[in-house]
């Protein structure tokens, strides 16, 4: 189970941090309880948000150490976990560049529809 959650988080990071719009269906539930501060977001809204970001910043580079992933069970909620992964990132549009250190925090839930674990909330925080 922890390996399945880790693979989900690493897959999500590798797919969404490459500067290309992607489908979130392999990683997320159809409705996200939170998406970068927005509540009750559909997967289509999240994909549109990613596509808009990549139009502004098409060149991406993300680095993370898999050994720094922390997965913790949520007390009193069976099959619900939080996963936290620090990462370094840079983005460019050919004219401007930006970079930083952030922390991905996702809520992961075991679905009841046979798809296994899926991300139900995504929250990135700038590391201090």
N, C-alpha and C. Protein backbone atom coordinates (compact mmCIF):
# COMPACT_ATOMS: atom_id res chain seq x y z
N UNK A 1 0.82 -1.19 0.00
CA UNK A 1 0.00 0.00 0.00
C UNK A 1 0.87 1.26 0.00
N UNK A 2 1.89 1.34 0.84
CA UNK A 2 2.76 2.52 0.84
C UNK A 2 3.51 2.65 -0.48
N UNK A 3 3.92 1.53 -1.04
CA UNK A 3 4.60 1.56 -2.34
C UNK A 3 3.65 2.06 -3.42
N UNK A 4 2.39 1.64 -3.38
CA UNK A 4 1.39 2.08 -4.36
C UNK A 4 1.18 3.60 -4.25
N UNK A 5 1.10 4.11 -3.03
CA UNK A 5 0.93 5.55 -2.82
C UNK A 5 2.18 6.30 -3.30
N UNK A 6 3.37 5.79 -2.98
CA UNK A 6 4.61 6.42 -3.43
C UNK A 6 4.67 6.47 -4.95
N UNK A 7 4.34 5.38 -5.61
CA UNK A 7 4.36 5.35 -7.07
C UNK A 7 3.35 6.33 -7.66
N UNK A 8 2.19 6.48 -7.02
CA UNK A 8 1.19 7.44 -7.45
C UNK A 8 1.74 8.87 -7.37
N UNK A 9 2.35 9.20 -6.24
CA UNK A 9 2.89 10.55 -6.03
C UNK A 9 4.03 10.83 -7.01
N UNK A 10 4.95 9.88 -7.18
CA UNK A 10 6.06 10.09 -8.11
C UNK A 10 5.54 10.20 -9.55
N UNK A 11 4.57 9.39 -9.91
CA UNK A 11 3.98 9.47 -11.24
C UNK A 11 3.32 10.82 -11.48
N UNK A 12 2.58 11.29 -10.48
CA UNK A 12 1.92 12.60 -10.57
C UNK A 12 2.96 13.70 -10.76
N UNK A 13 4.02 13.68 -9.96
CA UNK A 13 5.06 14.71 -10.07
C UNK A 13 5.72 14.67 -11.44
N UNK A 14 6.10 13.49 -11.90
CA UNK A 14 6.77 13.39 -13.19
C UNK A 14 5.85 13.80 -14.35
N UNK A 15 4.57 13.53 -14.24
CA UNK A 15 3.63 13.86 -15.32
C UNK A 15 3.23 15.33 -15.32
N UNK A 16 3.11 15.93 -14.16
CA UNK A 16 2.58 17.30 -14.10
C UNK A 16 3.64 18.37 -14.05
N UNK A 17 4.88 18.01 -13.95
CA UNK A 17 5.94 19.01 -13.83
C UNK A 17 6.84 19.03 -15.06
N UNK A 18 6.29 18.72 -16.22
CA UNK A 18 7.13 18.62 -17.41
C UNK A 18 6.84 19.68 -18.46
N UNK A 19 5.96 20.62 -18.16
CA UNK A 19 5.67 21.69 -19.09
C UNK A 19 4.67 21.35 -20.17
N UNK A 20 4.08 20.16 -20.11
CA UNK A 20 3.10 19.74 -21.12
C UNK A 20 1.77 19.41 -20.46
N UNK A 21 0.67 19.91 -21.01
CA UNK A 21 -0.63 19.54 -20.46
C UNK A 21 -0.83 18.02 -20.51
N UNK A 22 -1.40 17.50 -19.46
CA UNK A 22 -1.58 16.05 -19.36
C UNK A 22 -2.97 15.75 -18.81
N UNK A 23 -3.30 14.49 -18.84
CA UNK A 23 -4.53 14.02 -18.21
C UNK A 23 -4.23 13.67 -16.75
N UNK A 24 -5.09 14.12 -15.87
CA UNK A 24 -4.93 13.79 -14.45
C UNK A 24 -5.66 12.51 -14.07
N UNK A 25 -6.40 11.91 -15.01
CA UNK A 25 -7.20 10.72 -14.70
C UNK A 25 -6.40 9.58 -14.07
N UNK A 26 -5.15 9.32 -14.47
CA UNK A 26 -4.43 8.22 -13.82
C UNK A 26 -4.02 8.51 -12.37
N UNK A 27 -4.14 9.78 -11.95
CA UNK A 27 -3.62 10.17 -10.65
C UNK A 27 -4.66 10.69 -9.66
N UNK A 28 -5.70 11.34 -10.15
CA UNK A 28 -6.63 12.06 -9.27
C UNK A 28 -8.06 11.54 -9.38
N UNK A 29 -8.83 11.85 -8.34
CA UNK A 29 -10.25 11.57 -8.38
C UNK A 29 -10.93 12.59 -9.30
N UNK A 30 -12.15 12.31 -9.72
CA UNK A 30 -12.85 13.18 -10.67
C UNK A 30 -13.17 14.54 -10.09
N UNK A 31 -13.29 14.61 -8.78
CA UNK A 31 -13.52 15.87 -8.08
C UNK A 31 -12.49 15.95 -6.96
N UNK A 32 -11.79 17.08 -6.92
CA UNK A 32 -10.75 17.28 -5.91
C UNK A 32 -11.30 18.18 -4.81
N UNK A 33 -11.13 17.78 -3.56
CA UNK A 33 -11.62 18.61 -2.47
C UNK A 33 -10.83 19.91 -2.36
N UNK A 34 -9.57 19.87 -2.83
CA UNK A 34 -8.77 21.10 -2.91
C UNK A 34 -7.77 20.96 -4.04
N UNK A 35 -7.58 22.07 -4.76
CA UNK A 35 -6.59 22.15 -5.84
C UNK A 35 -5.89 23.49 -5.70
N UNK A 36 -4.71 23.49 -5.08
CA UNK A 36 -3.91 24.71 -4.90
C UNK A 36 -4.73 25.85 -4.32
N UNK A 37 -5.50 25.57 -3.28
CA UNK A 37 -6.29 26.58 -2.59
C UNK A 37 -7.73 26.70 -3.04
N UNK A 38 -8.04 26.17 -4.22
CA UNK A 38 -9.42 26.18 -4.71
C UNK A 38 -10.15 24.96 -4.15
N UNK A 39 -11.33 25.16 -3.66
CA UNK A 39 -12.11 24.06 -3.07
C UNK A 39 -13.05 23.46 -4.10
N UNK A 40 -13.26 22.14 -3.99
CA UNK A 40 -14.25 21.42 -4.79
C UNK A 40 -14.03 21.64 -6.29
N UNK A 41 -12.85 21.30 -6.76
CA UNK A 41 -12.44 21.50 -8.14
C UNK A 41 -12.66 20.21 -8.93
N UNK A 42 -13.17 20.31 -10.17
CA UNK A 42 -13.28 19.11 -11.00
C UNK A 42 -11.93 18.81 -11.63
N UNK A 43 -11.76 17.60 -12.07
CA UNK A 43 -10.52 17.21 -12.72
C UNK A 43 -10.32 18.02 -14.01
N UNK A 44 -11.41 18.34 -14.70
CA UNK A 44 -11.30 19.14 -15.91
C UNK A 44 -10.81 20.56 -15.59
N UNK A 45 -11.28 21.14 -14.49
CA UNK A 45 -10.80 22.46 -14.08
C UNK A 45 -9.32 22.41 -13.73
N UNK A 46 -8.90 21.34 -13.07
CA UNK A 46 -7.49 21.19 -12.71
C UNK A 46 -6.62 21.06 -13.96
N UNK A 47 -7.06 20.27 -14.93
CA UNK A 47 -6.31 20.11 -16.16
C UNK A 47 -6.22 21.43 -16.92
N UNK A 48 -7.29 22.20 -16.93
CA UNK A 48 -7.28 23.52 -17.58
C UNK A 48 -6.29 24.45 -16.87
N UNK A 49 -6.26 24.38 -15.55
CA UNK A 49 -5.33 25.19 -14.77
C UNK A 49 -3.88 24.85 -15.12
N UNK A 50 -3.58 23.57 -15.25
CA UNK A 50 -2.23 23.15 -15.63
C UNK A 50 -1.89 23.66 -17.03
N UNK A 51 -2.82 23.49 -17.97
CA UNK A 51 -2.59 23.93 -19.35
C UNK A 51 -2.32 25.43 -19.41
N UNK A 52 -3.07 26.23 -18.65
CA UNK A 52 -2.86 27.68 -18.64
C UNK A 52 -1.50 28.04 -18.06
N UNK A 53 -1.10 27.34 -17.00
CA UNK A 53 0.21 27.59 -16.41
C UNK A 53 1.32 27.29 -17.41
N UNK A 54 1.18 26.18 -18.13
CA UNK A 54 2.22 25.79 -19.08
C UNK A 54 2.24 26.67 -20.32
N UNK A 55 1.16 27.35 -20.63
CA UNK A 55 1.21 28.33 -21.71
C UNK A 55 2.10 29.50 -21.30
N UNK A 56 2.02 29.88 -20.03
CA UNK A 56 2.83 30.99 -19.52
C UNK A 56 4.27 30.56 -19.23
N UNK A 57 4.47 29.32 -18.80
CA UNK A 57 5.79 28.81 -18.40
C UNK A 57 6.01 27.44 -19.03
N UNK A 58 6.31 27.36 -20.34
CA UNK A 58 6.37 26.08 -21.02
C UNK A 58 7.60 25.22 -20.72
N UNK A 59 8.65 25.82 -20.19
CA UNK A 59 9.87 25.05 -19.93
C UNK A 59 9.98 24.80 -18.43
N UNK A 60 9.91 23.55 -18.06
CA UNK A 60 9.88 23.16 -16.65
C UNK A 60 11.05 22.23 -16.31
N UNK A 61 11.48 22.32 -15.08
CA UNK A 61 12.45 21.38 -14.55
C UNK A 61 12.15 21.20 -13.07
N UNK A 62 11.96 19.96 -12.67
CA UNK A 62 11.64 19.66 -11.27
C UNK A 62 12.57 18.54 -10.80
N UNK A 63 13.09 18.72 -9.61
CA UNK A 63 13.98 17.72 -9.02
C UNK A 63 13.50 17.40 -7.61
N UNK A 64 13.45 16.11 -7.31
CA UNK A 64 13.11 15.69 -5.95
C UNK A 64 13.85 14.40 -5.62
N UNK A 65 14.04 14.19 -4.34
CA UNK A 65 14.69 12.99 -3.84
C UNK A 65 13.60 12.05 -3.33
N UNK A 66 13.39 10.91 -3.99
CA UNK A 66 12.32 9.99 -3.57
C UNK A 66 12.41 9.57 -2.10
N UNK A 67 13.61 9.57 -1.55
CA UNK A 67 13.75 9.15 -0.15
C UNK A 67 13.16 10.18 0.82
N UNK A 68 12.85 11.39 0.36
CA UNK A 68 12.29 12.42 1.23
C UNK A 68 10.76 12.37 1.29
N UNK A 69 10.14 11.46 0.55
CA UNK A 69 8.68 11.33 0.59
C UNK A 69 8.25 10.81 1.97
N UNK A 70 7.29 11.52 2.57
CA UNK A 70 6.69 11.08 3.84
C UNK A 70 5.22 10.76 3.59
N UNK A 71 4.80 9.59 4.01
CA UNK A 71 3.40 9.19 3.89
C UNK A 71 2.89 8.89 5.28
N UNK A 72 1.79 9.53 5.65
CA UNK A 72 1.23 9.35 6.98
C UNK A 72 -0.26 9.06 6.89
N UNK A 73 -0.73 8.13 7.70
CA UNK A 73 -2.16 7.84 7.77
C UNK A 73 -2.87 8.98 8.48
N UNK A 74 -4.10 9.26 8.07
CA UNK A 74 -4.92 10.28 8.73
C UNK A 74 -5.70 9.58 9.84
N UNK A 75 -5.51 10.01 11.07
CA UNK A 75 -6.18 9.38 12.22
C UNK A 75 -7.68 9.36 12.03
N UNK A 76 -8.27 8.22 12.30
CA UNK A 76 -9.72 8.09 12.28
C UNK A 76 -10.33 7.99 10.90
N UNK A 77 -9.50 7.98 9.86
CA UNK A 77 -10.01 7.88 8.50
C UNK A 77 -9.30 6.72 7.79
N UNK A 78 -9.95 5.55 7.77
CA UNK A 78 -9.28 4.41 7.14
C UNK A 78 -9.04 4.66 5.65
N UNK A 79 -7.90 4.24 5.17
CA UNK A 79 -7.52 4.34 3.76
C UNK A 79 -7.39 5.77 3.26
N UNK A 80 -7.04 6.71 4.14
CA UNK A 80 -6.79 8.09 3.76
C UNK A 80 -5.41 8.46 4.30
N UNK A 81 -4.58 9.02 3.42
CA UNK A 81 -3.19 9.33 3.76
C UNK A 81 -2.83 10.72 3.27
N UNK A 82 -1.86 11.30 3.92
CA UNK A 82 -1.25 12.52 3.40
C UNK A 82 0.17 12.14 2.96
N UNK A 83 0.57 12.68 1.82
CA UNK A 83 1.92 12.44 1.32
C UNK A 83 2.57 13.80 1.11
N UNK A 84 3.80 13.91 1.57
CA UNK A 84 4.53 15.18 1.53
C UNK A 84 5.88 14.94 0.86
N UNK A 85 6.20 15.78 -0.14
CA UNK A 85 7.44 15.62 -0.89
C UNK A 85 8.04 16.99 -1.21
N UNK A 86 9.19 17.32 -0.63
CA UNK A 86 9.87 18.56 -1.00
C UNK A 86 10.50 18.43 -2.39
N UNK A 87 10.54 19.55 -3.12
CA UNK A 87 11.14 19.51 -4.45
C UNK A 87 11.66 20.89 -4.84
N UNK A 88 12.65 20.89 -5.72
CA UNK A 88 13.18 22.11 -6.32
C UNK A 88 12.59 22.22 -7.71
N UNK A 89 12.36 23.44 -8.16
CA UNK A 89 11.75 23.63 -9.47
C UNK A 89 12.31 24.87 -10.14
N UNK A 90 12.21 24.88 -11.45
CA UNK A 90 12.49 26.07 -12.23
C UNK A 90 11.52 26.09 -13.40
N UNK A 91 11.18 27.28 -13.85
CA UNK A 91 10.27 27.46 -14.97
C UNK A 91 10.75 28.65 -15.80
N UNK A 92 10.54 28.54 -17.11
CA UNK A 92 10.97 29.60 -18.01
C UNK A 92 9.99 29.70 -19.17
N UNK A 93 9.89 30.89 -19.72
CA UNK A 93 9.10 31.06 -20.92
C UNK A 93 9.96 31.57 -22.07
N UNK A 94 11.27 31.47 -21.92
CA UNK A 94 12.19 31.94 -22.94
C UNK A 94 12.64 33.37 -22.72
N UNK A 95 11.85 34.15 -21.97
CA UNK A 95 12.21 35.53 -21.66
C UNK A 95 12.48 35.72 -20.19
N UNK A 96 11.68 35.09 -19.38
CA UNK A 96 11.81 35.18 -17.93
C UNK A 96 12.00 33.79 -17.36
N UNK A 97 12.66 33.74 -16.22
CA UNK A 97 12.84 32.48 -15.50
C UNK A 97 12.51 32.70 -14.04
N UNK A 98 12.07 31.64 -13.42
CA UNK A 98 11.86 31.66 -11.98
C UNK A 98 12.21 30.27 -11.44
N UNK A 99 12.55 30.24 -10.16
CA UNK A 99 12.90 28.97 -9.54
C UNK A 99 12.62 29.06 -8.04
N UNK A 100 12.61 27.89 -7.41
CA UNK A 100 12.36 27.88 -5.98
C UNK A 100 12.37 26.49 -5.41
N UNK A 101 11.99 26.43 -4.16
CA UNK A 101 11.89 25.17 -3.43
C UNK A 101 10.49 25.12 -2.85
N UNK A 102 9.76 24.07 -3.15
CA UNK A 102 8.38 23.93 -2.68
C UNK A 102 8.19 22.57 -2.02
N UNK A 103 7.04 22.40 -1.41
CA UNK A 103 6.68 21.13 -0.80
C UNK A 103 5.31 20.73 -1.34
N UNK A 104 5.26 19.58 -2.00
CA UNK A 104 4.00 19.03 -2.46
C UNK A 104 3.33 18.33 -1.27
N UNK A 105 2.07 18.63 -1.06
CA UNK A 105 1.29 17.92 -0.05
C UNK A 105 0.01 17.47 -0.74
N UNK A 106 -0.23 16.17 -0.74
CA UNK A 106 -1.43 15.63 -1.35
C UNK A 106 -2.18 14.76 -0.35
N UNK A 107 -3.48 14.72 -0.51
CA UNK A 107 -4.34 13.82 0.23
C UNK A 107 -4.64 12.66 -0.70
N UNK A 108 -4.39 11.44 -0.25
CA UNK A 108 -4.57 10.24 -1.07
C UNK A 108 -5.61 9.35 -0.40
N UNK A 109 -6.57 8.86 -1.20
CA UNK A 109 -7.66 8.04 -0.68
C UNK A 109 -7.78 6.77 -1.52
N UNK A 110 -8.09 5.67 -0.86
CA UNK A 110 -8.40 4.43 -1.56
C UNK A 110 -9.81 4.56 -2.12
N UNK A 111 -9.95 4.50 -3.44
CA UNK A 111 -11.27 4.66 -4.05
C UNK A 111 -12.08 3.39 -3.88
N UNK A 112 -13.39 3.54 -4.00
CA UNK A 112 -14.29 2.39 -3.88
C UNK A 112 -14.71 1.85 -5.23
N UNK A 113 -14.21 2.47 -6.32
CA UNK A 113 -14.61 2.06 -7.66
C UNK A 113 -13.61 1.14 -8.35
N UNK A 114 -12.65 0.63 -7.60
CA UNK A 114 -11.69 -0.31 -8.16
C UNK A 114 -10.45 0.31 -8.78
N UNK A 115 -10.31 1.63 -8.74
CA UNK A 115 -9.15 2.28 -9.33
C UNK A 115 -7.97 2.38 -8.37
N UNK A 116 -8.12 1.91 -7.16
CA UNK A 116 -7.03 1.97 -6.19
C UNK A 116 -6.90 3.34 -5.57
N UNK A 117 -5.69 3.68 -5.16
CA UNK A 117 -5.44 4.97 -4.53
C UNK A 117 -5.42 6.08 -5.58
N UNK A 118 -6.02 7.21 -5.22
CA UNK A 118 -6.04 8.39 -6.07
C UNK A 118 -5.86 9.62 -5.21
N UNK A 119 -5.31 10.67 -5.80
CA UNK A 119 -5.13 11.94 -5.12
C UNK A 119 -6.47 12.67 -5.09
N UNK A 120 -6.86 13.14 -3.89
CA UNK A 120 -8.13 13.86 -3.74
C UNK A 120 -7.94 15.32 -3.41
N UNK A 121 -6.71 15.72 -3.10
CA UNK A 121 -6.40 17.13 -2.83
C UNK A 121 -4.93 17.37 -3.12
N UNK A 122 -4.63 18.54 -3.69
CA UNK A 122 -3.26 18.92 -3.99
C UNK A 122 -3.00 20.30 -3.41
N UNK A 123 -1.94 20.37 -2.60
CA UNK A 123 -1.56 21.65 -1.99
C UNK A 123 -0.04 21.76 -2.09
N UNK A 124 0.44 22.75 -2.79
CA UNK A 124 1.88 23.03 -2.83
C UNK A 124 2.15 24.19 -1.88
N UNK A 125 3.26 24.14 -1.20
CA UNK A 125 3.66 25.20 -0.30
C UNK A 125 5.09 25.59 -0.64
N UNK A 126 5.35 26.86 -0.70
CA UNK A 126 6.73 27.30 -0.87
C UNK A 126 7.47 27.01 0.42
N UNK A 127 8.62 26.38 0.27
CA UNK A 127 9.42 26.06 1.45
C UNK A 127 10.08 27.33 1.97
N UNK A 128 10.21 27.39 3.27
CA UNK A 128 10.84 28.57 3.87
C UNK A 128 12.23 28.24 4.37
